[in-house]
C-alpha atoms as a PDB file:
ATOM      1  CA  MET A   1     -89.756-150.560 129.088  1.00  0.00           C
ATOM      2  CA  THR A   2     -87.912-152.851 126.671  1.00  0.00           C
ATOM      3  CA  LEU A   3     -89.402-156.297 126.082  1.00  0.00           C
ATOM      4  CA  PHE A   4     -86.591-158.782 125.515  1.00  0.00           C
ATOM      5  CA  MET A   5     -87.411-161.619 123.134  1.00  0.00           C
ATOM      6  CA  CYS A   6     -85.102-164.534 122.442  1.00  0.00           C
ATOM      7  CA  GLY A   7     -82.817-164.128 119.471  1.00  0.00           C
ATOM      8  CA  GLN A   8     -83.498-160.422 119.047  1.00  0.00           C
ATOM      9  CA  PRO A   9     -80.610-158.128 120.023  1.00  0.00           C
ATOM     10  CA  SER A  10     -82.118-154.816 121.082  1.00  0.00           C
ATOM     11  CA  LEU A  11     -79.199-152.777 119.737  1.00  0.00           C
ATOM     12  CA  ASN A  12     -79.056-152.190 115.990  1.00  0.00           C
ATOM     13  CA  THR A  13     -75.411-153.049 115.343  1.00  0.00           C
ATOM     14  CA  ARG A  14     -73.614-153.548 112.043  1.00  0.00           C
ATOM     15  CA  ILE A  15     -72.081-157.017 111.882  1.00  0.00           C
ATOM     16  CA  VAL A  16     -69.059-157.685 109.668  1.00  0.00           C
ATOM     17  CA  GLY A  17     -67.700-161.212 109.380  1.00  0.00           C
ATOM     18  CA  GLY A  18     -64.236-161.841 110.774  1.00  0.00           C
ATOM     19  CA  GLN A  19     -64.138-158.621 112.775  1.00  0.00           C
ATOM     20  CA  ALA A  20     -64.656-157.685 116.399  1.00  0.00           C
ATOM     21  CA  ALA A  21     -68.339-157.878 117.259  1.00  0.00           C
ATOM     22  CA  PRO A  22     -69.918-154.573 118.354  1.00  0.00           C
ATOM     23  CA  PRO A  23     -71.109-154.603 121.991  1.00  0.00           C
ATOM     24  CA  GLY A  24     -74.635-155.982 122.263  1.00  0.00           C
ATOM     25  CA  SER A  25     -74.620-157.703 118.874  1.00  0.00           C
ATOM     26  CA  TRP A  26     -74.584-161.225 120.347  1.00  0.00           C
ATOM     27  CA  PRO A  27     -76.097-160.733 123.822  1.00  0.00           C
ATOM     28  CA  TRP A  28     -76.467-164.469 124.521  1.00  0.00           C
ATOM     29  CA  GLN A  29     -72.737-165.219 124.215  1.00  0.00           C
ATOM     30  CA  VAL A  30     -71.122-166.127 127.542  1.00  0.00           C
ATOM     31  CA  SER A  31     -67.546-166.760 128.628  1.00  0.00           C
ATOM     32  CA  LEU A  32     -66.780-169.695 130.933  1.00  0.00           C
ATOM     33  CA  HIS A  33     -63.812-169.325 133.268  1.00  0.00           C
ATOM     34  CA  ILE A  34     -61.740-171.449 135.584  1.00  0.00           C
ATOM     35  CA  LEU A  35     -59.085-168.857 136.437  1.00  0.00           C
ATOM     36  CA  ASP A  36     -59.153-167.898 132.736  1.00  0.00           C
ATOM     37  CA  HIS A  37     -61.501-168.233 129.758  1.00  0.00           C
ATOM     38  CA  PHE A  38     -61.675-171.853 128.609  1.00  0.00           C
ATOM     39  CA  CYS A  39     -64.929-172.204 126.637  1.00  0.00           C
ATOM     40  CA  GLY A  40     -67.932-170.311 125.352  1.00  0.00           C
ATOM     41  CA  GLY A  41     -71.626-170.871 125.834  1.00  0.00           C
ATOM     42  CA  SER A  42     -75.008-169.307 125.177  1.00  0.00           C
ATOM     43  CA  LEU A  43     -77.695-167.960 127.483  1.00  0.00           C
ATOM     44  CA  VAL A  44     -80.969-169.798 126.798  1.00  0.00           C
ATOM     45  CA  THR A  45     -83.082-168.683 129.788  1.00  0.00           C
ATOM     46  CA  ASP A  46     -82.476-166.278 132.651  1.00  0.00           C
ATOM     47  CA  GLN A  47     -80.757-169.045 134.635  1.00  0.00           C
ATOM     48  CA  TRP A  48     -79.450-171.628 132.150  1.00  0.00           C
ATOM     49  CA  VAL A  49     -76.473-171.659 129.785  1.00  0.00           C
ATOM     50  CA  LEU A  50     -75.899-174.101 126.927  1.00  0.00           C
ATOM     51  CA  THR A  51     -72.367-175.317 126.168  1.00  0.00           C
ATOM     52  CA  ALA A  52     -70.439-178.348 124.922  1.00  0.00           C
ATOM     53  CA  ALA A  53     -70.152-181.439 127.094  1.00  0.00           C
ATOM     54  CA  HIS A  54     -66.445-181.780 126.337  1.00  0.00           C
ATOM     55  CA  CYS A  55     -65.920-178.373 127.981  1.00  0.00           C
ATOM     56  CA  VAL A  56     -67.281-179.480 131.338  1.00  0.00           C
ATOM     57  CA  GLU A  57     -66.682-183.234 131.562  1.00  0.00           C
ATOM     58  CA  GLY A  58     -64.248-184.868 133.955  1.00  0.00           C
ATOM     59  CA  TRP A  59     -63.925-185.676 137.626  1.00  0.00           C
ATOM     60  CA  TYR A  60     -62.289-182.310 138.321  1.00  0.00           C
ATOM     61  CA  MET A  61     -65.170-180.251 136.917  1.00  0.00           C
ATOM     62  CA  ALA A  62     -67.047-179.256 140.066  1.00  0.00           C
ATOM     63  CA  PRO A  63     -69.701-176.619 139.253  1.00  0.00           C
ATOM     64  CA  SER A  64     -68.339-174.323 141.963  1.00  0.00           C
ATOM     65  CA  LEU A  65     -65.095-173.968 139.991  1.00  0.00           C
ATOM     66  CA  VAL A  66     -66.833-172.415 136.983  1.00  0.00           C
ATOM     67  CA  THR A  67     -67.518-168.690 136.719  1.00  0.00           C
ATOM     68  CA  VAL A  68     -69.862-167.458 133.986  1.00  0.00           C
ATOM     69  CA  TYR A  69     -69.400-163.993 132.473  1.00  0.00           C
ATOM     70  CA  LEU A  70     -72.382-162.508 130.635  1.00  0.00           C
ATOM     71  CA  GLY A  71     -72.356-159.290 128.623  1.00  0.00           C
ATOM     72  CA  ARG A  72     -68.582-159.556 128.231  1.00  0.00           C
ATOM     73  CA  GLN A  73     -66.908-157.919 125.239  1.00  0.00           C
ATOM     74  CA  SER A  74     -63.187-158.133 125.966  1.00  0.00           C
ATOM     75  CA  GLN A  75     -61.105-160.705 127.828  1.00  0.00           C
ATOM     76  CA  GLU A  76     -58.510-158.077 128.746  1.00  0.00           C
ATOM     77  CA  GLU A  77     -60.207-154.680 129.058  1.00  0.00           C
ATOM     78  CA  SER A  78     -62.992-153.483 131.362  1.00  0.00           C
ATOM     79  CA  ASN A  79     -66.531-154.614 130.605  1.00  0.00           C
ATOM     80  CA  PRO A  80     -69.050-152.082 131.953  1.00  0.00           C
ATOM     81  CA  ASN A  81     -72.059-154.151 130.813  1.00  0.00           C
ATOM     82  CA  GLU A  82     -70.881-157.394 132.367  1.00  0.00           C
ATOM     83  CA  VAL A  83     -72.685-159.579 134.908  1.00  0.00           C
ATOM     84  CA  VAL A  84     -70.979-162.459 136.717  1.00  0.00           C
ATOM     85  CA  ARG A  85     -72.528-165.648 138.070  1.00  0.00           C
ATOM     86  CA  LYS A  86     -71.187-168.866 139.538  1.00  0.00           C
ATOM     87  CA  ALA A  87     -72.292-172.240 138.227  1.00  0.00           C
ATOM     88  CA  THR A  88     -74.299-174.361 140.661  1.00  0.00           C
ATOM     89  CA  GLN A  89     -75.182-177.344 138.470  1.00  0.00           C
ATOM     90  CA  ILE A  90     -73.716-178.971 135.360  1.00  0.00           C
ATOM     91  CA  THR A  91     -75.848-181.463 133.429  1.00  0.00           C
ATOM     92  CA  ILE A  92     -74.179-183.379 130.614  1.00  0.00           C
ATOM     93  CA  HIS A  93     -76.316-185.061 127.964  1.00  0.00           C
ATOM     94  CA  PRO A  94     -76.910-188.652 129.147  1.00  0.00           C
ATOM     95  CA  ASP A  95     -75.838-190.054 125.762  1.00  0.00           C
ATOM     96  CA  TYR A  96     -72.651-188.012 125.438  1.00  0.00           C
ATOM     97  CA  ASN A  97     -69.760-190.127 124.153  1.00  0.00           C
ATOM     98  CA  SER A  98     -66.347-188.654 124.857  1.00  0.00           C
ATOM     99  CA  SER A  99     -64.669-190.949 122.312  1.00  0.00           C
ATOM    100  CA  THR A 100     -66.876-190.048 119.340  1.00  0.00           C
ATOM    101  CA  VAL A 101     -67.921-186.621 120.736  1.00  0.00           C
ATOM    102  CA  ASP A 102     -71.524-187.535 119.899  1.00  0.00           C
ATOM    103  CA  ASN A 103     -74.245-185.629 121.800  1.00  0.00           C
ATOM    104  CA  ASP A 104     -71.687-182.986 122.784  1.00  0.00           C
ATOM    105  CA  ILE A 105     -74.036-180.815 124.790  1.00  0.00           C
ATOM    106  CA  ALA A 106     -74.371-179.695 128.407  1.00  0.00           C
ATOM    107  CA  LEU A 107     -76.383-177.268 130.504  1.00  0.00           C
ATOM    108  CA  ILE A 108     -75.085-175.014 133.274  1.00  0.00           C
ATOM    109  CA  ARG A 109     -77.375-173.583 135.935  1.00  0.00           C
ATOM    110  CA  LEU A 110     -76.458-170.109 137.154  1.00  0.00           C
ATOM    111  CA  SER A 111     -76.285-169.266 140.847  1.00  0.00           C
ATOM    112  CA  GLU A 112     -79.150-166.802 140.377  1.00  0.00           C
ATOM    113  CA  PRO A 113     -81.207-165.514 137.439  1.00  0.00           C
ATOM    114  CA  VAL A 114     -79.912-162.628 135.345  1.00  0.00           C
ATOM    115  CA  SER A 115     -81.923-159.599 134.298  1.00  0.00           C
ATOM    116  CA  PHE A 116     -82.057-159.079 130.548  1.00  0.00           C
ATOM    117  CA  THR A 117     -80.432-155.928 129.191  1.00  0.00           C
ATOM    118  CA  ASN A 118     -79.250-154.585 125.841  1.00  0.00           C
ATOM    119  CA  TYR A 119     -76.121-156.680 126.380  1.00  0.00           C
ATOM    120  CA  ILE A 120     -77.545-159.800 128.033  1.00  0.00           C
ATOM    121  CA  SER A 121     -80.495-161.703 126.574  1.00  0.00           C
ATOM    122  CA  PRO A 122     -81.222-165.281 125.452  1.00  0.00           C
ATOM    123  CA  VAL A 123     -80.913-166.892 122.046  1.00  0.00           C
ATOM    124  CA  CYS A 124     -83.739-168.887 120.469  1.00  0.00           C
ATOM    125  CA  LEU A 125     -83.109-172.617 120.170  1.00  0.00           C
ATOM    126  CA  ALA A 126     -83.723-174.641 117.028  1.00  0.00           C
ATOM    127  CA  ALA A 127     -86.798-176.858 117.158  1.00  0.00           C
ATOM    128  CA  SER A 128     -86.412-180.630 116.905  1.00  0.00           C
ATOM    129  CA  ASN A 129     -87.742-180.587 113.334  1.00  0.00           C
ATOM    130  CA  SER A 130     -85.525-177.711 112.175  1.00  0.00           C
ATOM    131  CA  THR A 131     -83.546-178.125 108.960  1.00  0.00           C
ATOM    132  CA  PHE A 132     -80.523-176.008 108.135  1.00  0.00           C
ATOM    133  CA  TYR A 133     -79.803-176.631 104.479  1.00  0.00           C
ATOM    134  CA  SER A 134     -76.349-176.664 102.938  1.00  0.00           C
ATOM    135  CA  GLY A 135     -75.263-173.136 102.068  1.00  0.00           C
ATOM    136  CA  VAL A 136     -77.414-171.367 104.671  1.00  0.00           C
ATOM    137  CA  GLU A 137     -75.448-168.462 106.143  1.00  0.00           C
ATOM    138  CA  SER A 138     -74.640-168.866 109.799  1.00  0.00           C
ATOM    139  CA  TRP A 139     -72.431-167.127 112.322  1.00  0.00           C
ATOM    140  CA  VAL A 140     -70.103-168.426 115.005  1.00  0.00           C
ATOM    141  CA  THR A 141     -68.901-166.202 117.827  1.00  0.00           C
ATOM    142  CA  GLY A 142     -66.293-166.391 120.549  1.00  0.00           C
ATOM    143  CA  TRP A 143     -62.823-165.427 121.687  1.00  0.00           C
ATOM    144  CA  GLY A 144     -60.870-167.951 119.620  1.00  0.00           C
ATOM    145  CA  THR A 145     -57.273-167.568 118.544  1.00  0.00           C
ATOM    146  CA  ILE A 146     -57.799-166.609 114.878  1.00  0.00           C
ATOM    147  CA  GLY A 147     -57.664-162.948 113.876  1.00  0.00           C
ATOM    148  CA  ILE A 148     -57.450-160.401 116.679  1.00  0.00           C
ATOM    149  CA  GLY A 149     -56.035-162.924 119.112  1.00  0.00           C
ATOM    150  CA  GLY A 150     -58.874-163.569 121.506  1.00  0.00           C
ATOM    151  CA  GLU A 151     -59.001-160.245 123.332  1.00  0.00           C
ATOM    152  CA  PHE A 152     -62.265-159.107 121.740  1.00  0.00           C
ATOM    153  CA  LYS A 153     -65.326-161.140 120.863  1.00  0.00           C
ATOM    154  CA  ILE A 154     -65.161-162.059 117.157  1.00  0.00           C
ATOM    155  CA  ASN A 155     -67.956-163.042 114.777  1.00  0.00           C
ATOM    156  CA  LYS A 156     -67.331-165.177 111.693  1.00  0.00           C
ATOM    157  CA  ASN A 157     -69.904-165.890 108.990  1.00  0.00           C
ATOM    158  CA  VAL A 158     -69.750-169.468 107.705  1.00  0.00           C
ATOM    159  CA  PRO A 159     -72.164-171.384 105.451  1.00  0.00           C
ATOM    160  CA  VAL A 160     -73.760-174.636 106.585  1.00  0.00           C
ATOM    161  CA  VAL A 161     -72.163-177.709 104.997  1.00  0.00           C
ATOM    162  CA  GLY A 162     -74.431-180.720 104.474  1.00  0.00           C
ATOM    163  CA  ASN A 163     -73.599-183.812 106.520  1.00  0.00           C
ATOM    164  CA  ARG A 164     -73.029-185.957 103.435  1.00  0.00           C
ATOM    165  CA  GLN A 165     -70.423-183.519 102.159  1.00  0.00           C
ATOM    166  CA  CYS A 166     -68.937-183.129 105.636  1.00  0.00           C
ATOM    167  CA  MET A 167     -68.418-186.894 105.869  1.00  0.00           C
ATOM    168  CA  CYS A 168     -65.911-186.607 103.024  1.00  0.00           C
ATOM    169  CA  SER A 169     -63.706-184.710 105.470  1.00  0.00           C
ATOM    170  CA  TYR A 170     -64.595-186.726 108.577  1.00  0.00           C
ATOM    171  CA  PRO A 171     -65.637-190.166 107.224  1.00  0.00           C
ATOM    172  CA  GLU A 172     -65.941-191.901 110.594  1.00  0.00           C
ATOM    173  CA  ASN A 173     -67.061-189.073 112.848  1.00  0.00           C
ATOM    174  CA  ILE A 174     -70.249-187.371 111.624  1.00  0.00           C
ATOM    175  CA  THR A 175     -73.567-188.495 113.125  1.00  0.00           C
ATOM    176  CA  GLU A 176     -77.120-187.194 112.809  1.00  0.00           C
ATOM    177  CA  ASN A 177     -76.538-185.342 116.089  1.00  0.00           C
ATOM    178  CA  MET A 178     -73.914-183.168 114.416  1.00  0.00           C
ATOM    179  CA  MET A 179     -73.841-180.504 111.729  1.00  0.00           C
ATOM    180  CA  CYS A 180     -71.018-178.755 109.897  1.00  0.00           C
ATOM    181  CA  ALA A 181     -70.277-175.220 108.748  1.00  0.00           C
ATOM    182  CA  GLY A 182     -67.324-173.548 107.089  1.00  0.00           C
ATOM    183  CA  LEU A 183     -65.764-172.341 103.860  1.00  0.00           C
ATOM    184  CA  GLN A 184     -64.251-174.873 101.463  1.00  0.00           C
ATOM    185  CA  GLU A 185     -61.224-172.626 101.051  1.00  0.00           C
ATOM    186  CA  GLY A 186     -60.893-172.205 104.824  1.00  0.00           C
ATOM    187  CA  GLY A 187     -60.032-168.940 106.520  1.00  0.00           C
ATOM    188  CA  LYS A 188     -63.067-168.621 108.815  1.00  0.00           C
ATOM    189  CA  ASP A 189     -63.888-171.057 111.575  1.00  0.00           C
ATOM    190  CA  ALA A 190     -64.285-171.570 115.275  1.00  0.00           C
ATOM    191  CA  CYS A 191     -60.966-172.179 117.003  1.00  0.00           C
ATOM    192  CA  GLN A 192     -59.392-172.958 120.360  1.00  0.00           C
ATOM    193  CA  ARG A 193     -61.423-171.466 123.212  1.00  0.00           C
ATOM    194  CA  ASP A 194     -64.513-171.091 120.987  1.00  0.00           C
ATOM    195  CA  SER A 195     -65.708-174.569 122.038  1.00  0.00           C
ATOM    196  CA  GLY A 196     -69.182-174.588 123.537  1.00  0.00           C
ATOM    197  CA  GLY A 197     -70.141-171.352 121.803  1.00  0.00           C
ATOM    198  CA  PRO A 198     -73.159-170.899 119.549  1.00  0.00           C
ATOM    199  CA  LEU A 199     -73.609-171.305 115.804  1.00  0.00           C
ATOM    200  CA  VAL A 200     -76.629-169.183 114.875  1.00  0.00           C
ATOM    201  CA  SER A 201     -78.659-168.509 111.749  1.00  0.00           C
ATOM    202  CA  LYS A 202     -81.187-165.735 111.202  1.00  0.00           C
ATOM    203  CA  GLN A 203     -84.786-166.730 110.514  1.00  0.00           C
ATOM    204  CA  GLY A 204     -87.019-163.736 109.926  1.00  0.00           C
ATOM    205  CA  ASP A 205     -86.127-161.217 112.617  1.00  0.00           C
ATOM    206  CA  ARG A 206     -84.735-163.753 115.094  1.00  0.00           C
ATOM    207  CA  TRP A 207     -81.440-165.526 115.561  1.00  0.00           C
ATOM    208  CA  ILE A 208     -81.779-169.275 116.068  1.00  0.00           C
ATOM    209  CA  GLN A 209     -79.039-171.387 117.604  1.00  0.00           C
ATOM    210  CA  ALA A 210     -78.495-174.365 115.333  1.00  0.00           C
ATOM    211  CA  GLY A 211     -75.268-175.739 116.746  1.00  0.00           C
ATOM    212  CA  ILE A 212     -72.663-175.761 119.504  1.00  0.00           C
ATOM    213  CA  VAL A 213     -68.956-175.557 118.655  1.00  0.00           C
ATOM    214  CA  SER A 214     -67.681-179.119 119.079  1.00  0.00           C
ATOM    215  CA  PHE A 215     -64.555-180.090 117.104  1.00  0.00           C
ATOM    216  CA  GLY A 216     -62.636-179.737 113.855  1.00  0.00           C
ATOM    217  CA  GLU A 217     -59.349-180.358 112.091  1.00  0.00           C
ATOM    218  CA  GLY A 218     -57.152-177.479 113.178  1.00  0.00           C
ATOM    219  CA  CYS A 219     -58.629-174.006 112.718  1.00  0.00           C
ATOM    220  CA  ALA A 220     -60.112-172.792 109.436  1.00  0.00           C
ATOM    221  CA  GLU A 221     -58.265-175.429 107.402  1.00  0.00           C
ATOM    222  CA  PRO A 222     -59.336-175.818 103.740  1.00  0.00           C
ATOM    223  CA  ASP A 223     -61.745-178.739 103.138  1.00  0.00           C
ATOM    224  CA  PHE A 224     -62.291-179.239 106.875  1.00  0.00           C
ATOM    225  CA  PRO A 225     -65.427-177.432 108.077  1.00  0.00           C
ATOM    226  CA  GLY A 226     -66.092-176.995 111.760  1.00  0.00           C
ATOM    227  CA  VAL A 227     -68.280-179.633 113.407  1.00  0.00           C
ATOM    228  CA  TYR A 228     -71.097-178.615 115.744  1.00  0.00           C
ATOM    229  CA  ALA A 229     -73.464-180.447 118.066  1.00  0.00           C
ATOM    230  CA  ARG A 230     -76.919-180.176 116.476  1.00  0.00           C
ATOM    231  CA  VAL A 231     -79.121-178.389 119.018  1.00  0.00           C
ATOM    232  CA  GLY A 232     -82.530-179.417 117.657  1.00  0.00           C
ATOM    233  CA  LYS A 233     -81.694-183.122 117.775  1.00  0.00           C
ATOM    234  CA  MET A 234     -80.753-183.114 121.425  1.00  0.00           C
ATOM    235  CA  LEU A 235     -82.860-180.642 123.383  1.00  0.00           C
ATOM    236  CA  LYS A 236     -85.621-183.066 124.252  1.00  0.00           C
ATOM    237  CA  TYR A 237     -87.270-183.824 127.574  1.00  0.00           C
ATOM    238  CA  PRO A 238     -85.907-184.461 130.150  1.00  0.00           C
ATOM    239  CA  PHE A 239     -82.682-182.885 128.904  1.00  0.00           C
ATOM    240  CA  SER A 240     -83.817-179.293 128.506  1.00  0.00           C
ATOM    241  CA  PRO A 241     -83.609-176.097 130.550  1.00  0.00           C
END
């Protein structure tokens, strides 16, 4: 019997930045659909998914419209390890500001719990006192439009950029509830349809989710790192799964 721990993929896969992610390498990554994929998210318990508030805000966003795909590898080919659930509840952070995109975090409750497998298991969440220093290697995953075109799940390795440095690119936008990651020369970044997906960093033998894809200037533009909602700052009672 396999014991599934958060942040520990059970399959030993080789991860290469900027390439299609091997099946099972990021088992917490989910795909949110309304007719088609519109945002990413991460499995944090057997019945809760973490995503960005801007993905699920608005009067039209009834939970019943959202379908959650877990264990998905491709948006176009068959996915033999996939499990599908409907959303039954969407909880947006009470301090979310759609104008400044501050506190850009939301939780989605699944219609029923999922069983953990080699392809579906939760990520660990950063503690409230976690610090991710500038330069720390992190990874962002999703089906964005850079590279292979969104068909296959892609992983991109990007270093953390300190908030002070990030404010040089976004002087009026960066708050303590945000963090940044990206290459100064550009070329690797989250992109359209990656929103809501996880930014993770490895600590020991576990992957910790530090951020949620929130916004940026274009995709992978030089001198404009991606901006992420800072998970540790916001997952506090009563807003927690």
